[in-house]
Amino acid sequence: LYFSVQEGILFFYHIKDLQYEMKICADILKPISSLIFCPDYTILLLVTEQGTVYTYKPAHSGEAVKLLDACSSCFLAADFLTPGNKYCVSVTISGEVQVWFLEDGTCLSKLNLDIEVHV
């Protein structure tokens, strides 16, 4: 079980029968608004309330890596494009939909919806 708290800390709870173990996985120092796993559960996207997107690889137990940083408009949501886990799609509050290469955060495509987006 992965979850975050308001302070921007990503926790992992390993639960087996009536026993559990808690581990701090990453601390990004910004409140996390959503967590999204890719289909094969190898990468976890962390989207902050400020609109920054991080990747976390549970198998590597490393730190979260900043993938996308909000510039003029905050990222409202992000998710993986399937099949696979090489690309993600994001939408900003201003209505810009973007496709990103997860390896290095390169923006591959964008489309402006010309409308403000709300969740």
Protein backbone atom coordinates (compact mmCIF):
# COMPACT_ATOMS: atom_id res chain seq x y z
CA LEU A 1 0.00 0.00 0.00
CA TYR A 2 1.47 3.36 -1.09
CA PHE A 3 0.09 6.62 0.24
CA SER A 4 1.17 10.20 0.85
CA VAL A 5 0.60 12.81 3.51
CA GLN A 6 0.14 16.58 3.22
CA GLU A 7 3.85 17.24 3.79
CA GLY A 8 4.83 15.48 0.53
CA ILE A 9 6.10 12.22 1.98
CA LEU A 10 5.46 8.97 0.09
CA PHE A 11 4.95 5.99 2.44
CA PHE A 12 4.83 2.26 1.78
CA TYR A 13 2.98 -0.13 4.07
CA HIS A 14 3.83 -3.81 3.67
CA ILE A 15 0.89 -5.70 5.17
CA LYS A 16 0.94 -9.44 5.80
CA ASP A 17 -1.70 -11.10 7.95
CA LEU A 18 -1.89 -8.99 11.12
CA GLN A 19 1.66 -7.64 10.78
CA TYR A 20 2.71 -4.50 8.95
CA GLU A 21 5.88 -2.58 8.25
CA MET A 22 6.00 1.11 7.33
CA LYS A 23 8.74 2.66 5.20
CA ILE A 24 9.31 6.22 3.99
CA CYS A 25 10.04 5.99 0.26
CA ALA A 26 10.47 9.61 -0.80
CA ASP A 27 10.08 13.13 0.52
CA ILE A 28 9.44 15.69 -2.22
CA LEU A 29 8.61 18.54 0.19
CA LYS A 30 5.42 19.43 -1.70
CA PRO A 31 1.88 18.17 -1.03
CA ILE A 32 1.05 15.24 -3.34
CA SER A 33 -2.39 15.39 -4.96
CA SER A 34 -2.37 12.04 -6.77
CA LEU A 35 -0.48 8.77 -7.17
CA ILE A 36 -0.77 6.75 -10.40
CA PHE A 37 0.87 3.38 -11.12
CA CYS A 38 1.76 2.32 -14.65
CA PRO A 39 0.04 -0.89 -15.82
CA ASP A 40 2.96 -3.17 -14.84
CA TYR A 41 3.48 -1.40 -11.48
CA THR A 42 7.14 -0.54 -12.14
CA ILE A 43 6.72 3.26 -12.08
CA LEU A 44 4.60 5.47 -9.86
CA LEU A 45 3.71 9.02 -10.96
CA LEU A 46 3.41 11.58 -8.15
CA VAL A 47 1.54 14.78 -9.01
CA THR A 48 1.86 17.68 -6.56
CA GLU A 49 -0.70 20.35 -5.74
CA GLN A 50 1.66 22.88 -7.37
CA GLY A 51 1.54 20.89 -10.61
CA THR A 52 4.96 19.22 -10.61
CA VAL A 53 5.14 15.56 -11.71
CA TYR A 54 7.67 13.10 -10.25
CA THR A 55 8.44 9.46 -11.04
CA TYR A 56 9.25 6.87 -8.40
CA LYS A 57 10.46 3.33 -9.16
CA PRO A 58 9.55 1.03 -6.23
CA ALA A 59 11.98 -1.72 -7.29
CA HIS A 60 14.91 0.71 -7.13
CA SER A 61 13.91 2.22 -3.75
CA GLY A 62 15.50 5.48 -4.78
CA GLU A 63 14.32 9.03 -4.55
CA ALA A 64 11.49 10.45 -6.60
CA VAL A 65 12.80 12.12 -9.76
CA LYS A 66 11.26 15.36 -11.05
CA LEU A 67 9.89 14.69 -14.52
CA LEU A 68 7.77 17.75 -15.31
CA ASP A 69 7.73 21.14 -13.64
CA ALA A 70 4.76 23.46 -13.85
CA CYS A 71 5.59 26.59 -15.76
CA SER A 72 2.85 28.97 -16.78
CA SER A 73 0.02 26.59 -15.94
CA CYS A 74 -0.11 23.88 -13.30
CA PHE A 75 -0.49 20.25 -14.29
CA LEU A 76 -3.90 19.21 -13.06
CA ALA A 77 -3.56 15.49 -13.73
CA ALA A 78 -1.25 12.97 -15.35
CA ASP A 79 -1.52 9.31 -16.31
CA PHE A 80 0.32 6.67 -18.31
CA LEU A 81 -0.40 5.99 -21.98
CA THR A 82 -0.84 2.28 -22.43
CA PRO A 83 0.27 -0.23 -23.45
CA GLY A 84 3.64 0.05 -21.78
CA ASN A 85 5.11 2.65 -19.50
CA LYS A 86 7.25 4.84 -21.76
CA TYR A 87 4.84 7.75 -22.13
CA CYS A 88 2.49 9.77 -19.99
CA VAL A 89 -0.19 12.32 -20.76
CA SER A 90 -0.92 15.42 -18.70
CA VAL A 91 -3.50 18.18 -18.70
CA THR A 92 -3.03 21.67 -17.34
CA ILE A 93 -5.60 23.92 -15.72
CA SER A 94 -5.52 26.10 -18.86
CA GLY A 95 -6.58 23.10 -21.00
CA GLU A 96 -3.31 22.06 -22.60
CA VAL A 97 -2.99 18.28 -23.10
CA GLN A 98 0.60 17.05 -23.48
CA VAL A 99 2.27 13.71 -24.18
CA TRP A 100 5.65 13.16 -22.48
CA PHE A 101 8.50 10.69 -22.87
CA LEU A 102 9.13 9.35 -19.36
CA GLU A 103 12.81 8.62 -19.92
CA ASP A 104 13.85 12.28 -19.96
CA GLY A 105 10.68 14.39 -19.70
CA THR A 106 10.66 15.43 -23.37
CA CYS A 107 7.34 16.87 -24.53
CA LEU A 108 6.39 14.92 -27.67
CA SER A 109 3.04 16.45 -28.49
CA LYS A 110 0.54 18.98 -27.21
CA LEU A 111 -3.00 20.05 -27.91
CA ASN A 112 -4.73 23.12 -26.54
CA LEU A 113 -8.39 22.52 -25.71
CA ASP A 114 -9.04 26.29 -25.42
CA ILE A 115 -11.03 25.76 -22.23
CA GLU A 116 -10.21 25.80 -18.52
CA VAL A 117 -10.11 22.30 -17.01
CA HIS A 118 -11.42 21.30 -13.57
CA VAL A 119 -11.40 18.00 -11.71
